Amino acid sequence: MYADFAYVYDKLMYDINYRQWADYIEKIFEKNNIKPKILVDLGCGTGSFCIEMCLRGYDMIGIDISEDMLSCALTKAKKANIPDEKLLLLNQDMTEFELYGSADAIVSLMDSINYIISIKKLKRLFKLVMNYLNDGGLFIFDINTIYKFENILNNNTFHYIDDDIAYIWENNYKKKNKICQFDITFFVKEGELFRRFDEIHYERAYSIEELTSIALESGLKVEGIYDSLSFNEPNDKSERIFFVLKKLGHLS
């Protein structure tokens, strides 16, 4: 998984405004009165968010299970003239990641948390976050909501076509186990012809209550739960929700 996908990922994410996402993350920092220096991005993909934050002066650690994704990230970082000391890329499973120090904040964006379909592995990730965060540090992540899986993605097909790439994205959501299967067929132009390749991805739907319970179990305090890229409360039709968790210090 992710091998061929890595090289078309940015085409797939063409509608994501990474500057807007970075602005929002910085607003969360400001709202919580922290000024982090070292940030970790779990599931960093091709590195667009990491690079944007490096350009804003942060030291970034990007973690992804896909070597191909990280290869793309490294190429993009060099093109953006990001110094080696500002961006460290680690090829690790985000549910088993290891750091050589601690971080001021950890993020996991673009519904990376939904990709963890095992609750046991998700709990392990939260405990690792708790272990590697500095006191007062934040863990910020977003999820696709149950509403989105049931009403937007389920049994729906999406497509995209331009001169160099086309894809068909079919979704099948099982309400019983809360798992959504994405069947994606790509056609990528190579010379005068198009090469076809297929990917299958899975995401799991999590409720606010489930994630809040896992956070508390891991020792993280829930500081806020917000509707997408805002500080509004989620509603029953929210499609993306952000969680802001905090590691309390010993005297907090």
C-alpha atoms as a PDB file:
ATOM      1  CA  MET A   1       0.000   0.000   0.000  1.00  0.00           C
ATOM      2  CA  TYR A   2       1.052   3.611  -0.747  1.00  0.00           C
ATOM      3  CA  ALA A   3       3.808   2.727  -3.250  1.00  0.00           C
ATOM      4  CA  ASP A   4       2.212   4.024  -6.452  1.00  0.00           C
ATOM      5  CA  PHE A   5      -0.258   6.043  -4.391  1.00  0.00           C
ATOM      6  CA  ALA A   6       2.533   8.210  -2.985  1.00  0.00           C
ATOM      7  CA  TYR A   7       3.323   9.727  -6.360  1.00  0.00           C
ATOM      8  CA  VAL A   8      -0.250  10.811  -7.068  1.00  0.00           C
ATOM      9  CA  TYR A   9      -1.145  11.737  -3.481  1.00  0.00           C
ATOM     10  CA  ASP A  10      -0.673  15.461  -3.986  1.00  0.00           C
ATOM     11  CA  LYS A  11      -2.956  15.359  -7.024  1.00  0.00           C
ATOM     12  CA  LEU A  12      -5.535  13.642  -4.842  1.00  0.00           C
ATOM     13  CA  MET A  13      -5.165  16.360  -2.195  1.00  0.00           C
ATOM     14  CA  TYR A  14      -5.339  19.241  -4.673  1.00  0.00           C
ATOM     15  CA  ASP A  15      -8.102  20.976  -2.691  1.00  0.00           C
ATOM     16  CA  ILE A  16      -6.189  21.056   0.623  1.00  0.00           C
ATOM     17  CA  ASN A  17      -4.918  24.518   1.556  1.00  0.00           C
ATOM     18  CA  TYR A  18      -1.916  23.679   3.737  1.00  0.00           C
ATOM     19  CA  ARG A  19      -1.339  27.319   4.633  1.00  0.00           C
ATOM     20  CA  GLN A  20      -4.871  27.476   6.000  1.00  0.00           C
ATOM     21  CA  TRP A  21      -4.284  24.302   8.021  1.00  0.00           C
ATOM     22  CA  ALA A  22      -0.998  25.677   9.361  1.00  0.00           C
ATOM     23  CA  ASP A  23      -2.725  28.963  10.265  1.00  0.00           C
ATOM     24  CA  TYR A  24      -5.326  27.000  12.186  1.00  0.00           C
ATOM     25  CA  ILE A  25      -2.751  24.923  14.071  1.00  0.00           C
ATOM     26  CA  GLU A  26      -0.933  28.110  15.053  1.00  0.00           C
ATOM     27  CA  LYS A  27      -4.218  29.585  16.290  1.00  0.00           C
ATOM     28  CA  ILE A  28      -4.612  26.497  18.493  1.00  0.00           C
ATOM     29  CA  PHE A  29      -1.124  27.105  19.876  1.00  0.00           C
ATOM     30  CA  GLU A  30      -2.023  30.726  20.588  1.00  0.00           C
ATOM     31  CA  LYS A  31      -5.358  29.787  22.162  1.00  0.00           C
ATOM     32  CA  ASN A  32      -3.559  27.394  24.506  1.00  0.00           C
ATOM     33  CA  ASN A  33      -0.718  29.811  25.305  1.00  0.00           C
ATOM     34  CA  ILE A  34       2.108  27.646  24.026  1.00  0.00           C
ATOM     35  CA  LYS A  35       4.988  28.498  21.719  1.00  0.00           C
ATOM     36  CA  PRO A  36       6.291  25.151  20.514  1.00  0.00           C
ATOM     37  CA  LYS A  37       9.628  24.787  18.779  1.00  0.00           C
ATOM     38  CA  ILE A  38       9.765  21.058  18.012  1.00  0.00           C
ATOM     39  CA  LEU A  39       6.718  19.502  16.321  1.00  0.00           C
ATOM     40  CA  VAL A  40       6.026  15.920  15.263  1.00  0.00           C
ATOM     41  CA  ASP A  41       3.702  15.103  12.361  1.00  0.00           C
ATOM     42  CA  LEU A  42       2.384  11.532  12.570  1.00  0.00           C
ATOM     43  CA  GLY A  43       1.390  10.262   9.135  1.00  0.00           C
ATOM     44  CA  CYS A  44       3.149  13.141   7.388  1.00  0.00           C
ATOM     45  CA  GLY A  45       2.603  11.748   3.897  1.00  0.00           C
ATOM     46  CA  THR A  46       4.451  13.715   1.221  1.00  0.00           C
ATOM     47  CA  GLY A  47       5.441  16.372   3.737  1.00  0.00           C
ATOM     48  CA  SER A  48       3.390  19.392   2.650  1.00  0.00           C
ATOM     49  CA  PHE A  49       2.373  20.352   6.197  1.00  0.00           C
ATOM     50  CA  CYS A  50       5.885  19.734   7.557  1.00  0.00           C
ATOM     51  CA  ILE A  51       7.392  21.977   4.911  1.00  0.00           C
ATOM     52  CA  GLU A  52       4.865  24.737   5.552  1.00  0.00           C
ATOM     53  CA  MET A  53       5.674  24.668   9.277  1.00  0.00           C
ATOM     54  CA  CYS A  54       9.434  24.600   8.627  1.00  0.00           C
ATOM     55  CA  LEU A  55       9.020  27.759   6.561  1.00  0.00           C
ATOM     56  CA  ARG A  56       7.391  29.316   9.634  1.00  0.00           C
ATOM     57  CA  GLY A  57      10.399  28.547  11.809  1.00  0.00           C
ATOM     58  CA  TYR A  58       9.441  25.260  13.476  1.00  0.00           C
ATOM     59  CA  ASP A  59      11.697  22.218  13.750  1.00  0.00           C
ATOM     60  CA  MET A  60       9.700  19.341  12.293  1.00  0.00           C
ATOM     61  CA  ILE A  61       9.838  15.562  12.620  1.00  0.00           C
ATOM     62  CA  GLY A  62       7.752  13.818   9.995  1.00  0.00           C
ATOM     63  CA  ILE A  63       6.829  10.175  10.528  1.00  0.00           C
ATOM     64  CA  ASP A  64       5.266   7.911   7.903  1.00  0.00           C
ATOM     65  CA  ILE A  65       5.124   4.189   7.209  1.00  0.00           C
ATOM     66  CA  SER A  66       5.615   4.697   3.471  1.00  0.00           C
ATOM     67  CA  GLU A  67       9.166   5.077   2.152  1.00  0.00           C
ATOM     68  CA  ASP A  68       7.726   6.391  -1.113  1.00  0.00           C
ATOM     69  CA  MET A  69       5.758   9.108   0.681  1.00  0.00           C
ATOM     70  CA  LEU A  70       8.917  10.149   2.531  1.00  0.00           C
ATOM     71  CA  SER A  71      10.913  10.131  -0.699  1.00  0.00           C
ATOM     72  CA  CYS A  72       8.405  12.581  -2.156  1.00  0.00           C
ATOM     73  CA  ALA A  73       8.618  14.667   1.033  1.00  0.00           C
ATOM     74  CA  LEU A  74      12.423  14.814   0.823  1.00  0.00           C
ATOM     75  CA  THR A  75      12.302  15.932  -2.806  1.00  0.00           C
ATOM     76  CA  LYS A  76       9.777  18.660  -1.976  1.00  0.00           C
ATOM     77  CA  ALA A  77      11.809  19.800   1.046  1.00  0.00           C
ATOM     78  CA  LYS A  78      14.954  20.192  -1.077  1.00  0.00           C
ATOM     79  CA  LYS A  79      12.989  22.128  -3.675  1.00  0.00           C
ATOM     80  CA  ALA A  80      11.735  24.439  -0.902  1.00  0.00           C
ATOM     81  CA  ASN A  81      15.326  24.853   0.395  1.00  0.00           C
ATOM     82  CA  ILE A  82      14.485  23.439   3.823  1.00  0.00           C
ATOM     83  CA  PRO A  83      17.747  22.896   5.784  1.00  0.00           C
ATOM     84  CA  ASP A  84      18.395  19.320   6.895  1.00  0.00           C
ATOM     85  CA  GLU A  85      18.453  20.389  10.552  1.00  0.00           C
ATOM     86  CA  LYS A  86      14.901  21.779  10.277  1.00  0.00           C
ATOM     87  CA  LEU A  87      13.226  18.596   9.024  1.00  0.00           C
ATOM     88  CA  LEU A  88      13.815  15.016  10.137  1.00  0.00           C
ATOM     89  CA  LEU A  89      11.903  12.317   8.250  1.00  0.00           C
ATOM     90  CA  LEU A  90      11.448   8.916   9.914  1.00  0.00           C
ATOM     91  CA  ASN A  91      10.164   5.766   8.229  1.00  0.00           C
ATOM     92  CA  GLN A  92       8.090   4.343  11.091  1.00  0.00           C
ATOM     93  CA  ASP A  93       4.638   2.996  11.843  1.00  0.00           C
ATOM     94  CA  MET A  94       2.885   5.844  13.660  1.00  0.00           C
ATOM     95  CA  THR A  95       1.433   3.360  16.161  1.00  0.00           C
ATOM     96  CA  GLU A  96       4.948   2.244  17.123  1.00  0.00           C
ATOM     97  CA  PHE A  97       6.984   5.415  16.640  1.00  0.00           C
ATOM     98  CA  GLU A  98      10.176   6.149  18.561  1.00  0.00           C
ATOM     99  CA  LEU A  99      11.869   9.489  19.148  1.00  0.00           C
ATOM    100  CA  TYR A 100      15.291  10.310  20.566  1.00  0.00           C
ATOM    101  CA  GLY A 101      13.848  13.139  22.633  1.00  0.00           C
ATOM    102  CA  SER A 102      10.564  14.848  23.380  1.00  0.00           C
ATOM    103  CA  ALA A 103       8.354  17.254  21.467  1.00  0.00           C
ATOM    104  CA  ASP A 104       6.421  20.400  22.294  1.00  0.00           C
ATOM    105  CA  ALA A 105       3.477  19.391  20.117  1.00  0.00           C
ATOM    106  CA  ILE A 106       2.390  16.379  18.072  1.00  0.00           C
ATOM    107  CA  VAL A 107      -0.101  16.533  15.225  1.00  0.00           C
ATOM    108  CA  SER A 108      -1.767  13.890  13.080  1.00  0.00           C
ATOM    109  CA  LEU A 109      -3.717  15.432  10.233  1.00  0.00           C
ATOM    110  CA  MET A 110      -5.811  14.663   7.151  1.00  0.00           C
ATOM    111  CA  ASP A 111      -7.758  11.891   8.971  1.00  0.00           C
ATOM    112  CA  SER A 112      -4.612   9.842   9.606  1.00  0.00           C
ATOM    113  CA  ILE A 113      -6.185   8.667  12.874  1.00  0.00           C
ATOM    114  CA  ASN A 114      -9.057   7.077  10.918  1.00  0.00           C
ATOM    115  CA  TYR A 115      -6.489   4.923   9.114  1.00  0.00           C
ATOM    116  CA  ILE A 116      -5.794   3.157  12.408  1.00  0.00           C
ATOM    117  CA  ILE A 117      -8.544   0.547  12.347  1.00  0.00           C
ATOM    118  CA  SER A 118      -7.342  -1.343  15.439  1.00  0.00           C
ATOM    119  CA  ILE A 119      -8.432   0.214  18.741  1.00  0.00           C
ATOM    120  CA  LYS A 120      -5.549  -1.585  20.452  1.00  0.00           C
ATOM    121  CA  LYS A 121      -3.050   0.123  18.131  1.00  0.00           C
ATOM    122  CA  LEU A 122      -4.800   3.470  18.550  1.00  0.00           C
ATOM    123  CA  LYS A 123      -4.496   3.222  22.328  1.00  0.00           C
ATOM    124  CA  ARG A 124      -0.802   2.417  21.908  1.00  0.00           C
ATOM    125  CA  LEU A 125      -0.355   5.535  19.760  1.00  0.00           C
ATOM    126  CA  PHE A 126      -1.986   7.724  22.414  1.00  0.00           C
ATOM    127  CA  LYS A 127       0.293   6.295  25.095  1.00  0.00           C
ATOM    128  CA  LEU A 128       3.341   6.960  22.927  1.00  0.00           C
ATOM    129  CA  VAL A 129       2.151  10.533  22.403  1.00  0.00           C
ATOM    130  CA  MET A 130       1.793  10.891  26.165  1.00  0.00           C
ATOM    131  CA  ASN A 131       5.305   9.527  26.622  1.00  0.00           C
ATOM    132  CA  TYR A 132       7.014  11.817  24.099  1.00  0.00           C
ATOM    133  CA  LEU A 133       5.155  15.079  24.741  1.00  0.00           C
ATOM    134  CA  ASN A 134       6.736  17.668  27.005  1.00  0.00           C
ATOM    135  CA  ASP A 135       4.622  18.781  29.973  1.00  0.00           C
ATOM    136  CA  GLY A 136       2.036  21.240  28.716  1.00  0.00           C
ATOM    137  CA  GLY A 137       2.440  19.952  25.163  1.00  0.00           C
ATOM    138  CA  LEU A 138      -0.473  19.469  22.783  1.00  0.00           C
ATOM    139  CA  PHE A 139      -1.647  16.555  20.671  1.00  0.00           C
ATOM    140  CA  ILE A 140      -3.792  17.830  17.802  1.00  0.00           C
ATOM    141  CA  PHE A 141      -5.556  15.572  15.331  1.00  0.00           C
ATOM    142  CA  ASP A 142      -8.603  15.494  13.095  1.00  0.00           C
ATOM    143  CA  ILE A 143     -10.987  12.733  12.042  1.00  0.00           C
ATOM    144  CA  ASN A 144     -13.588  12.044   9.415  1.00  0.00           C
ATOM    145  CA  THR A 145     -16.832  11.774  11.381  1.00  0.00           C
ATOM    146  CA  ILE A 146     -19.344   8.963  11.566  1.00  0.00           C
ATOM    147  CA  TYR A 147     -21.793  11.298   9.824  1.00  0.00           C
ATOM    148  CA  LYS A 148     -19.384  11.692   6.887  1.00  0.00           C
ATOM    149  CA  PHE A 149     -18.848   7.951   6.549  1.00  0.00           C
ATOM    150  CA  GLU A 150     -22.564   7.171   6.715  1.00  0.00           C
ATOM    151  CA  ASN A 151     -23.916  10.042   4.613  1.00  0.00           C
ATOM    152  CA  ILE A 152     -21.159  11.364   2.340  1.00  0.00           C
ATOM    153  CA  LEU A 153     -18.765   8.518   1.630  1.00  0.00           C
ATOM    154  CA  ASN A 154     -20.913   5.398   1.970  1.00  0.00           C
ATOM    155  CA  ASN A 155     -21.736   3.690  -1.340  1.00  0.00           C
ATOM    156  CA  ASN A 156     -20.599   6.781  -3.176  1.00  0.00           C
ATOM    157  CA  THR A 157     -18.198   7.110  -6.087  1.00  0.00           C
ATOM    158  CA  PHE A 158     -15.937  10.083  -6.773  1.00  0.00           C
ATOM    159  CA  HIS A 159     -13.829  10.805  -9.834  1.00  0.00           C
ATOM    160  CA  TYR A 160     -11.183  13.245 -11.027  1.00  0.00           C
ATOM    161  CA  ILE A 161      -9.782  13.839 -14.504  1.00  0.00           C
ATOM    162  CA  ASP A 162      -7.050  16.079 -15.866  1.00  0.00           C
ATOM    163  CA  ASP A 163      -4.477  15.812 -18.650  1.00  0.00           C
ATOM    164  CA  ASP A 164      -2.020  13.637 -16.696  1.00  0.00           C
ATOM    165  CA  ILE A 165      -4.079  11.677 -14.201  1.00  0.00           C
ATOM    166  CA  ALA A 166      -7.564  10.323 -13.612  1.00  0.00           C
ATOM    167  CA  TYR A 167      -9.023   8.311 -10.774  1.00  0.00           C
ATOM    168  CA  ILE A 168     -12.207   6.569  -9.729  1.00  0.00           C
ATOM    169  CA  TRP A 169     -12.770   6.343  -5.963  1.00  0.00           C
ATOM    170  CA  GLU A 170     -15.438   3.921  -4.714  1.00  0.00           C
ATOM    171  CA  ASN A 171     -16.457   3.736  -1.054  1.00  0.00           C
ATOM    172  CA  ASN A 172     -18.159   0.996   0.907  1.00  0.00           C
ATOM    173  CA  TYR A 173     -18.897   1.628   4.596  1.00  0.00           C
ATOM    174  CA  LYS A 174     -19.940  -1.147   6.960  1.00  0.00           C
ATOM    175  CA  LYS A 175     -21.937   0.326   9.814  1.00  0.00           C
ATOM    176  CA  LYS A 176     -21.572  -2.834  11.902  1.00  0.00           C
ATOM    177  CA  ASN A 177     -17.783  -2.632  12.263  1.00  0.00           C
ATOM    178  CA  LYS A 178     -17.436   1.078  11.343  1.00  0.00           C
ATOM    179  CA  ILE A 179     -14.938   0.263   8.599  1.00  0.00           C
ATOM    180  CA  CYS A 180     -14.934   2.040   5.257  1.00  0.00           C
ATOM    181  CA  GLN A 181     -13.178   0.436   2.296  1.00  0.00           C
ATOM    182  CA  PHE A 182     -11.829   2.758  -0.387  1.00  0.00           C
ATOM    183  CA  ASP A 183     -11.225   1.150  -3.786  1.00  0.00           C
ATOM    184  CA  ILE A 184      -9.212   3.577  -5.905  1.00  0.00           C
ATOM    185  CA  THR A 185      -8.287   3.058  -9.553  1.00  0.00           C
ATOM    186  CA  PHE A 186      -5.727   5.453 -11.035  1.00  0.00           C
ATOM    187  CA  PHE A 187      -4.785   6.119 -14.641  1.00  0.00           C
ATOM    188  CA  VAL A 188      -1.460   7.981 -14.813  1.00  0.00           C
ATOM    189  CA  LYS A 189       0.013   9.282 -18.056  1.00  0.00           C
ATOM    190  CA  GLU A 190       3.398   7.825 -18.962  1.00  0.00           C
ATOM    191  CA  GLY A 191       4.547   9.038 -22.350  1.00  0.00           C
ATOM    192  CA  GLU A 192       1.684   8.681 -24.793  1.00  0.00           C
ATOM    193  CA  LEU A 193      -0.102   6.011 -22.756  1.00  0.00           C
ATOM    194  CA  PHE A 194      -1.816   5.805 -19.372  1.00  0.00           C
ATOM    195  CA  ARG A 195      -0.789   3.226 -16.775  1.00  0.00           C
ATOM    196  CA  ARG A 196      -3.485   1.805 -14.508  1.00  0.00           C
ATOM    197  CA  PHE A 197      -2.936   0.846 -10.893  1.00  0.00           C
ATOM    198  CA  ASP A 198      -5.299   0.028  -8.050  1.00  0.00           C
ATOM    199  CA  GLU A 199      -5.196   0.764  -4.328  1.00  0.00           C
ATOM    200  CA  ILE A 200      -7.378  -0.426  -1.442  1.00  0.00           C
ATOM    201  CA  HIS A 201      -7.451   1.657   1.740  1.00  0.00           C
ATOM    202  CA  TYR A 202      -9.403   1.351   4.956  1.00  0.00           C
ATOM    203  CA  GLU A 203     -10.566   3.883   7.513  1.00  0.00           C
ATOM    204  CA  ARG A 204     -12.443   3.384  10.749  1.00  0.00           C
ATOM    205  CA  ALA A 205     -15.087   5.720  12.099  1.00  0.00           C
ATOM    206  CA  TYR A 206     -14.631   6.810  15.721  1.00  0.00           C
ATOM    207  CA  SER A 207     -17.114   8.625  17.912  1.00  0.00           C
ATOM    208  CA  ILE A 208     -16.227  11.616  20.065  1.00  0.00           C
ATOM    209  CA  GLU A 209     -16.961   9.491  23.119  1.00  0.00           C
ATOM    210  CA  GLU A 210     -14.575   6.719  22.041  1.00  0.00           C
ATOM    211  CA  LEU A 211     -11.695   9.087  21.405  1.00  0.00           C
ATOM    212  CA  THR A 212     -12.317  11.074  24.575  1.00  0.00           C
ATOM    213  CA  SER A 213     -12.247   7.850  26.582  1.00  0.00           C
ATOM    214  CA  ILE A 214      -8.968   6.732  24.969  1.00  0.00           C
ATOM    215  CA  ALA A 215      -7.447  10.163  25.603  1.00  0.00           C
ATOM    216  CA  LEU A 216      -8.354  10.110  29.288  1.00  0.00           C
ATOM    217  CA  GLU A 217      -7.153   6.515  29.634  1.00  0.00           C
ATOM    218  CA  SER A 218      -3.767   7.560  28.234  1.00  0.00           C
ATOM    219  CA  GLY A 219      -3.503  10.489  30.664  1.00  0.00           C
ATOM    220  CA  LEU A 220      -4.184  13.283  28.176  1.00  0.00           C
ATOM    221  CA  LYS A 221      -6.655  16.050  28.992  1.00  0.00           C
ATOM    222  CA  VAL A 222      -9.200  17.098  26.383  1.00  0.00           C
ATOM    223  CA  GLU A 223      -8.747  20.848  25.898  1.00  0.00           C
ATOM    224  CA  GLY A 224     -11.101  21.255  22.975  1.00  0.00           C
ATOM    225  CA  ILE A 225     -13.150  19.490  20.292  1.00  0.00           C
ATOM    226  CA  TYR A 226     -13.951  21.656  17.277  1.00  0.00           C
ATOM    227  CA  ASP A 227     -15.734  21.660  13.956  1.00  0.00           C
ATOM    228  CA  SER A 228     -13.355  21.671  10.990  1.00  0.00           C
ATOM    229  CA  LEU A 229     -10.766  24.494  10.989  1.00  0.00           C
ATOM    230  CA  SER A 230     -12.783  26.532  13.495  1.00  0.00           C
ATOM    231  CA  PHE A 231     -13.374  26.903  17.207  1.00  0.00           C
ATOM    232  CA  ASN A 232     -17.077  26.111  16.908  1.00  0.00           C
ATOM    233  CA  GLU A 233     -18.582  23.095  18.611  1.00  0.00           C
ATOM    234  CA  PRO A 234     -19.178  20.095  16.338  1.00  0.00           C
ATOM    235  CA  ASN A 235     -22.745  19.466  15.251  1.00  0.00           C
ATOM    236  CA  ASP A 236     -24.564  16.358  14.089  1.00  0.00           C
ATOM    237  CA  LYS A 237     -23.607  17.104  10.471  1.00  0.00           C
ATOM    238  CA  SER A 238     -19.941  17.936  11.013  1.00  0.00           C
ATOM    239  CA  GLU A 239     -17.796  16.076   8.486  1.00  0.00           C
ATOM    240  CA  ARG A 240     -14.399  16.725  10.094  1.00  0.00           C
ATOM    241  CA  ILE A 241     -13.619  17.282  13.765  1.00  0.00           C
ATOM    242  CA  PHE A 242     -10.428  18.446  15.443  1.00  0.00           C
ATOM    243  CA  PHE A 243      -9.307  17.286  18.885  1.00  0.00           C
ATOM    244  CA  VAL A 244      -6.877  19.226  21.062  1.00  0.00           C
ATOM    245  CA  LEU A 245      -5.384  17.166  23.892  1.00  0.00           C
ATOM    246  CA  LYS A 246      -2.888  18.323  26.485  1.00  0.00           C
ATOM    247  CA  LYS A 247      -0.255  16.614  28.621  1.00  0.00           C
ATOM    248  CA  LEU A 248      -0.493  18.136  32.056  1.00  0.00           C
ATOM    249  CA  GLY A 249       2.627  18.802  34.078  1.00  0.00           C
ATOM    250  CA  HIS A 250       3.170  17.245  37.478  1.00  0.00           C
ATOM    251  CA  LEU A 251       1.957  20.408  39.202  1.00  0.00           C
ATOM    252  CA  SER A 252      -1.019  21.009  36.891  1.00  0.00           C
END
